[in-house]
Amino acid sequence: MLRKITRFFLGLLLVLMILPYFIPISTSNELPDLPYPNSRFFSSSDNVKIHYRVVAPETIKGKVLLVHGLAASTFSYRNNVDALVDDGYLVVAIDLPAFGYSDRRRGLKHTQVNRAKWLWELLDVVDESLSEDGPWTLVGHSMGASTILAMSNQEDRRVKTMVMIDGAVTQEGMNLPFLLDSPIGRWMEVYLRYFALQPDSIQTLLSSAYAREASQEEAQGYLEPLQVNKSIPALLDFVKTAENIQIQQWKYPDTPLLVVWGEDDSWVPPSSLDVIRPIATNLSVHVFENQGHCPHETDPGFNDVLLGFLAQYYDN
């Protein structure tokens, strides 16, 4: 009897190890040639293709780079670009590889160090097109805050100010190759394809991040890029290779830094400020009441806080 039970469970385990590889995870949605009217594409020295959007005022008084957070894209800054441009700032919003409409190639190492290198190369092209080599303001939300820390570490002379929105800069990155290179990883791909990356699931997650009910339109704005073909394997590559730069690793803590947070953020708690405050020596802080993880999307007062901070360094 025991032998039969053992054979049954061994057979079941074998089926579970093989079955997910027979479940398709691809979609028919291909990367669009022009996701938005102001879309552009850049190929780095490592042949990493990055989607970005540029909006420029008639007269440029400053330059702002917008870097999104986990599972987001340039869509997440839809409420901020016009306010910046109207105040005289050139705005470049980017999609990090594996997200938005950027590269889905397998085998990329999604470390913040690599991301910083690719983004500086992109900004080299933007500066050359403008004949403008002045410094940039770097804005990063959540995971993107770690990206701009890495950018500062690499090219601080090109950074005028920095802005972190609910920054994930006090945690180590995910690094689980031993699990994701197994049938467990394949089952995760199946779960993402048929359950997680669906309208209701995204709306629920976004509602948690917003600390209020997300609309169907907001959820669709996040979901659409995630349903592009090859997104799911690229997301697993991201999880396997992501390496954060933490605030303790920041080489230039005297750079002017604005940190904003949602008071009710349950994703990256405001208590992270307790780690940031002793390190950043030129720090401004604003906490938005009754807001969650994405105050730049949900609080109408965010743009005023951002522009007020920038005015201290550009309106001279």
Protein backbone atom coordinates (compact mmCIF):
# COMPACT_ATOMS: atom_id res chain seq x y z
CA MET A 1 0.00 0.00 0.00
CA LEU A 2 2.75 2.43 0.95
CA ARG A 3 4.54 1.62 -2.29
CA LYS A 4 1.43 2.44 -4.33
CA ILE A 5 0.96 5.74 -2.51
CA THR A 6 4.61 6.61 -3.10
CA ARG A 7 4.30 5.81 -6.81
CA PHE A 8 1.14 7.92 -7.04
CA PHE A 9 2.77 11.00 -5.52
CA LEU A 10 5.93 10.56 -7.57
CA GLY A 11 3.79 10.35 -10.71
CA LEU A 12 1.82 13.42 -9.65
CA LEU A 13 5.05 15.33 -9.02
CA LEU A 14 6.33 14.36 -12.46
CA VAL A 15 3.13 15.59 -14.10
CA LEU A 16 3.33 18.90 -12.20
CA MET A 17 6.92 19.34 -13.32
CA ILE A 18 6.12 18.72 -16.98
CA LEU A 19 2.59 20.09 -17.37
CA PRO A 20 3.32 23.85 -17.27
CA TYR A 21 5.61 23.57 -20.29
CA PHE A 22 2.62 22.45 -22.37
CA ILE A 23 0.52 25.47 -21.38
CA PRO A 24 1.08 28.37 -23.82
CA ILE A 25 1.99 31.74 -22.32
CA SER A 26 2.45 33.79 -25.48
CA THR A 27 -0.06 36.40 -26.64
CA SER A 28 -0.87 37.84 -30.05
CA ASN A 29 -0.14 41.42 -28.93
CA GLU A 30 3.08 42.64 -30.56
CA LEU A 31 5.03 45.76 -29.66
CA PRO A 32 3.44 48.67 -31.54
CA ASP A 33 5.60 50.70 -33.90
CA LEU A 34 4.39 53.96 -32.33
CA PRO A 35 2.70 53.50 -28.94
CA TYR A 36 2.11 57.28 -28.58
CA PRO A 37 2.38 60.20 -31.02
CA ASN A 38 5.53 61.43 -29.21
CA SER A 39 7.11 57.97 -28.86
CA ARG A 40 10.73 57.39 -29.75
CA PHE A 41 13.02 54.36 -29.54
CA PHE A 42 16.68 54.19 -28.59
CA SER A 43 19.17 51.32 -28.82
CA SER A 44 21.93 51.29 -26.22
CA SER A 45 25.53 50.20 -26.74
CA ASP A 46 24.35 46.77 -25.53
CA ASN A 47 21.58 46.80 -28.17
CA VAL A 48 18.89 47.24 -25.52
CA LYS A 49 15.86 48.92 -27.08
CA ILE A 50 14.24 51.57 -24.88
CA HIS A 51 10.93 53.30 -25.55
CA TYR A 52 10.75 56.90 -24.42
CA ARG A 53 8.62 60.00 -24.88
CA VAL A 54 9.81 63.59 -25.18
CA VAL A 55 7.76 66.72 -24.62
CA ALA A 56 9.44 70.11 -24.88
CA PRO A 57 8.34 73.67 -24.11
CA GLU A 58 9.11 76.56 -26.46
CA THR A 59 11.90 77.74 -24.16
CA ILE A 60 13.73 75.17 -22.02
CA LYS A 61 14.77 76.23 -18.53
CA GLY A 62 15.48 72.71 -17.26
CA LYS A 63 15.38 69.02 -18.14
CA VAL A 64 13.50 66.30 -16.25
CA LEU A 65 13.76 62.53 -16.59
CA LEU A 66 10.79 60.47 -15.33
CA VAL A 67 11.47 56.85 -14.31
CA HIS A 68 8.50 54.65 -13.42
CA GLY A 69 8.07 51.96 -10.78
CA LEU A 70 7.40 48.21 -10.81
CA ALA A 71 4.95 47.03 -13.51
CA ALA A 72 4.38 50.62 -14.65
CA SER A 73 5.37 52.61 -17.75
CA THR A 74 5.33 56.16 -19.06
CA PHE A 75 1.56 55.98 -18.53
CA SER A 76 2.09 56.43 -14.78
CA TYR A 77 3.29 60.04 -15.33
CA ARG A 78 0.28 61.06 -17.44
CA ASN A 79 -0.84 63.60 -14.82
CA ASN A 80 2.54 65.31 -14.45
CA VAL A 81 4.07 65.90 -17.87
CA ASP A 82 1.90 68.85 -18.93
CA ALA A 83 2.48 70.72 -15.66
CA LEU A 84 6.25 70.37 -16.05
CA VAL A 85 6.24 71.43 -19.70
CA ASP A 86 3.96 74.40 -19.00
CA ASP A 87 6.50 75.55 -16.41
CA GLY A 88 9.36 75.40 -18.90
CA TYR A 89 10.84 71.93 -18.43
CA LEU A 90 11.79 69.50 -21.16
CA VAL A 91 10.40 66.11 -20.09
CA VAL A 92 11.74 62.68 -21.04
CA ALA A 93 9.64 59.75 -19.77
CA ILE A 94 11.05 56.26 -20.28
CA ASP A 95 9.99 52.63 -20.12
CA LEU A 96 12.53 50.44 -18.36
CA PRO A 97 13.39 47.19 -20.21
CA ALA A 98 10.83 44.42 -19.56
CA PHE A 99 8.17 47.09 -18.94
CA GLY A 100 6.08 49.44 -21.02
CA TYR A 101 7.11 49.22 -24.67
CA SER A 102 10.85 48.64 -24.15
CA ASP A 103 12.98 45.57 -24.80
CA ARG A 104 11.60 42.11 -23.92
CA ARG A 105 14.71 40.23 -24.96
CA ARG A 106 15.60 37.24 -22.80
CA GLY A 107 18.92 37.17 -21.01
CA LEU A 108 19.11 40.83 -20.02
CA LYS A 109 20.50 41.60 -16.58
CA HIS A 110 18.10 44.10 -15.05
CA THR A 111 20.45 45.52 -12.45
CA GLN A 112 20.12 49.16 -11.53
CA VAL A 113 23.73 49.66 -12.61
CA ASN A 114 22.88 48.44 -16.11
CA ARG A 115 19.71 50.51 -16.23
CA ALA A 116 21.63 53.63 -15.24
CA LYS A 117 24.17 53.05 -18.01
CA TRP A 118 21.45 52.60 -20.64
CA LEU A 119 19.54 55.69 -19.52
CA TRP A 120 22.61 57.93 -19.52
CA GLU A 121 23.33 56.77 -23.06
CA LEU A 122 19.78 57.69 -24.02
CA LEU A 123 20.14 61.12 -22.40
CA ASP A 124 23.39 61.60 -24.35
CA VAL A 125 21.30 61.36 -27.52
CA VAL A 126 18.68 63.77 -26.18
CA ASP A 127 21.35 66.30 -25.13
CA GLU A 128 23.05 66.04 -28.51
CA SER A 129 19.77 66.68 -30.32
CA LEU A 130 19.21 69.78 -28.19
CA SER A 131 22.83 70.95 -28.26
CA GLU A 132 22.29 71.15 -24.51
CA ASP A 133 24.65 69.62 -21.97
CA GLY A 134 23.23 71.10 -18.77
CA PRO A 135 22.40 68.85 -15.79
CA TRP A 136 19.18 66.89 -15.35
CA THR A 137 16.57 66.50 -12.66
CA LEU A 138 16.00 62.77 -12.09
CA VAL A 139 12.57 61.67 -10.85
CA GLY A 140 12.05 58.05 -9.80
CA HIS A 141 8.97 56.33 -8.41
CA SER A 142 9.26 53.24 -6.17
CA MET A 143 11.69 50.90 -7.95
CA GLY A 144 12.64 53.81 -10.22
CA ALA A 145 14.05 55.68 -7.21
CA SER A 146 16.78 53.05 -7.01
CA THR A 147 17.44 53.57 -10.73
CA ILE A 148 18.10 57.28 -10.25
CA LEU A 149 20.40 56.53 -7.31
CA ALA A 150 22.46 54.36 -9.66
CA MET A 151 22.41 57.15 -12.24
CA SER A 152 23.67 59.65 -9.67
CA ASN A 153 26.46 57.28 -8.65
CA GLN A 154 27.61 57.01 -12.26
CA GLU A 155 27.28 60.61 -13.49
CA ASP A 156 26.64 62.93 -10.57
CA ARG A 157 28.07 65.96 -12.40
CA ARG A 158 25.10 65.66 -14.78
CA VAL A 159 22.52 65.70 -11.96
CA LYS A 160 21.08 69.00 -10.74
CA THR A 161 18.36 67.69 -8.42
CA MET A 162 16.62 64.41 -7.62
CA VAL A 163 13.07 63.47 -6.67
CA MET A 164 12.04 60.15 -5.10
CA ILE A 165 8.37 59.21 -4.97
CA ASP A 166 7.67 56.49 -2.37
CA GLY A 167 11.16 55.22 -3.15
CA ALA A 168 12.04 51.54 -2.78
CA VAL A 169 15.59 52.37 -1.71
CA THR A 170 15.83 50.61 1.64
CA GLN A 171 15.28 47.03 0.45
CA GLU A 172 17.46 44.59 -1.44
CA GLY A 173 16.33 43.49 -4.88
CA MET A 174 14.73 40.16 -5.69
CA ASN A 175 17.19 37.47 -6.72
CA LEU A 176 15.65 34.00 -7.04
CA PRO A 177 17.24 32.24 -10.03
CA PHE A 178 17.37 28.88 -8.28
CA LEU A 179 13.55 28.87 -8.11
CA LEU A 180 12.68 30.63 -11.35
CA ASP A 181 14.89 28.37 -13.49
CA SER A 182 12.71 25.43 -12.48
CA PRO A 183 9.12 24.26 -13.06
CA ILE A 184 8.17 26.68 -10.26
CA GLY A 185 9.21 29.52 -12.54
CA ARG A 186 7.18 28.10 -15.40
CA TRP A 187 4.12 27.81 -13.15
CA MET A 188 4.66 31.47 -12.24
CA GLU A 189 4.57 32.33 -15.93
CA VAL A 190 1.31 30.43 -16.29
CA TYR A 191 -0.12 32.24 -13.27
CA LEU A 192 0.88 35.62 -14.68
CA ARG A 193 -0.56 34.83 -18.12
CA TYR A 194 -3.95 33.54 -17.04
CA PHE A 195 -4.61 35.11 -13.65
CA ALA A 196 -2.40 38.03 -12.55
CA LEU A 197 -2.25 39.94 -15.83
CA GLN A 198 -5.99 40.21 -16.24
CA PRO A 199 -8.18 43.32 -15.88
CA ASP A 200 -9.77 42.44 -12.53
CA SER A 201 -6.45 41.43 -10.94
CA ILE A 202 -4.66 44.56 -12.15
CA GLN A 203 -7.52 46.75 -10.97
CA THR A 204 -7.36 45.14 -7.52
CA LEU A 205 -3.58 45.60 -7.27
CA LEU A 206 -3.77 49.18 -8.49
CA SER A 207 -6.52 49.96 -5.99
CA SER A 208 -4.21 48.73 -3.23
CA ALA A 209 -1.38 50.92 -4.54
CA TYR A 210 -3.64 53.96 -4.92
CA ALA A 211 -5.30 53.50 -1.51
CA ARG A 212 -8.56 54.13 -3.33
CA GLU A 213 -10.59 52.38 -6.02
CA ALA A 214 -8.76 52.38 -9.34
CA SER A 215 -10.88 52.93 -12.43
CA GLN A 216 -11.07 50.50 -15.32
CA GLU A 217 -9.32 53.08 -17.51
CA GLU A 218 -6.43 53.38 -15.04
CA ALA A 219 -6.08 49.61 -14.81
CA GLN A 220 -6.15 49.28 -18.60
CA GLY A 221 -3.37 51.85 -18.91
CA TYR A 222 -1.16 49.62 -16.74
CA LEU A 223 -2.32 46.33 -18.24
CA GLU A 224 -1.98 47.06 -21.94
CA PRO A 225 1.85 47.09 -22.08
CA LEU A 226 2.03 44.05 -19.78
CA GLN A 227 0.02 42.02 -22.30
CA VAL A 228 2.50 42.56 -25.11
CA ASN A 229 3.96 39.26 -26.30
CA LYS A 230 7.16 38.10 -24.51
CA SER A 231 6.35 40.26 -21.47
CA ILE A 232 6.03 37.32 -19.08
CA PRO A 233 9.45 35.70 -19.70
CA ALA A 234 11.01 39.18 -19.57
CA LEU A 235 9.36 39.83 -16.21
CA LEU A 236 10.83 36.61 -14.84
CA ASP A 237 14.26 37.65 -16.11
CA PHE A 238 13.75 40.93 -14.27
CA VAL A 239 12.91 39.13 -11.03
CA LYS A 240 15.92 36.82 -11.43
CA THR A 241 18.48 39.54 -12.06
CA ALA A 242 17.20 42.72 -10.37
CA GLU A 243 19.77 44.25 -8.01
CA ASN A 244 18.78 47.41 -6.18
CA ILE A 245 20.99 50.31 -5.25
CA GLN A 246 20.02 51.18 -1.68
CA ILE A 247 20.16 54.62 -0.11
CA GLN A 248 23.18 53.54 1.98
CA GLN A 249 25.10 53.04 -1.31
CA TRP A 250 24.48 56.57 -2.58
CA LYS A 251 27.82 58.25 -3.24
CA TYR A 252 26.57 61.85 -3.45
CA PRO A 253 24.10 62.43 -0.59
CA ASP A 254 24.63 66.19 -0.75
CA THR A 255 22.71 66.36 -4.06
CA PRO A 256 19.44 68.30 -3.59
CA LEU A 257 16.78 65.65 -3.00
CA LEU A 258 13.01 65.87 -2.64
CA VAL A 259 11.37 62.80 -1.13
CA VAL A 260 7.59 62.56 -1.28
CA TRP A 261 5.45 59.82 0.22
CA GLY A 262 1.85 58.78 0.53
CA GLU A 263 0.84 58.67 4.19
CA ASP A 264 -1.16 55.47 3.64
CA ASP A 265 1.37 53.65 1.45
CA SER A 266 1.11 49.94 2.29
CA TRP A 267 3.59 48.88 -0.41
CA VAL A 268 6.68 50.83 0.68
CA PRO A 269 5.86 52.30 4.11
CA PRO A 270 6.69 55.91 5.00
CA SER A 271 8.87 54.58 7.84
CA SER A 272 11.54 54.21 5.12
CA LEU A 273 12.07 57.93 5.66
CA ASP A 274 13.75 57.05 8.95
CA VAL A 275 16.52 55.38 6.93
CA ILE A 276 16.78 58.14 4.32
CA ARG A 277 16.88 61.18 6.62
CA PRO A 278 20.28 60.49 8.27
CA ILE A 279 21.94 59.92 4.88
CA ALA A 280 20.60 62.64 2.58
CA THR A 281 22.20 65.89 3.71
CA ASN A 282 20.28 68.24 1.35
CA LEU A 283 16.80 66.81 1.88
CA SER A 284 13.26 68.12 1.47
CA VAL A 285 10.32 65.92 2.48
CA HIS A 286 6.60 66.09 1.78
CA VAL A 287 4.10 63.49 2.99
CA PHE A 288 0.69 63.49 1.28
CA GLU A 289 -2.21 62.82 3.63
CA ASN A 290 -4.68 60.06 2.75
CA GLN A 291 -2.57 58.91 -0.23
CA GLY A 292 -1.09 55.56 -1.10
CA HIS A 293 1.94 54.42 -3.08
CA CYS A 294 1.36 56.66 -6.12
CA PRO A 295 0.70 60.25 -4.99
CA HIS A 296 1.95 61.59 -8.33
CA GLU A 297 -1.03 59.87 -9.93
CA THR A 298 -3.67 60.36 -7.25
CA ASP A 299 -3.03 63.70 -5.49
CA PRO A 300 -3.72 66.91 -7.48
CA GLY A 301 -1.30 68.76 -5.19
CA PHE A 302 1.71 66.68 -6.24
CA ASN A 303 2.60 68.90 -9.20
CA ASP A 304 2.62 72.02 -7.01
CA VAL A 305 5.03 70.36 -4.57
CA LEU A 306 7.30 69.18 -7.40
CA LEU A 307 7.35 72.53 -9.18
CA GLY A 308 7.90 74.38 -5.92
CA PHE A 309 10.97 72.27 -5.21
CA LEU A 310 12.37 72.72 -8.72
CA ALA A 311 11.80 76.48 -8.60
CA GLN A 312 14.41 76.76 -5.86
CA TYR A 313 17.09 75.59 -8.30
CA TYR A 314 15.86 76.78 -11.70
CA ASP A 315 14.08 80.11 -11.11
CA ASN A 316 17.17 82.22 -10.48
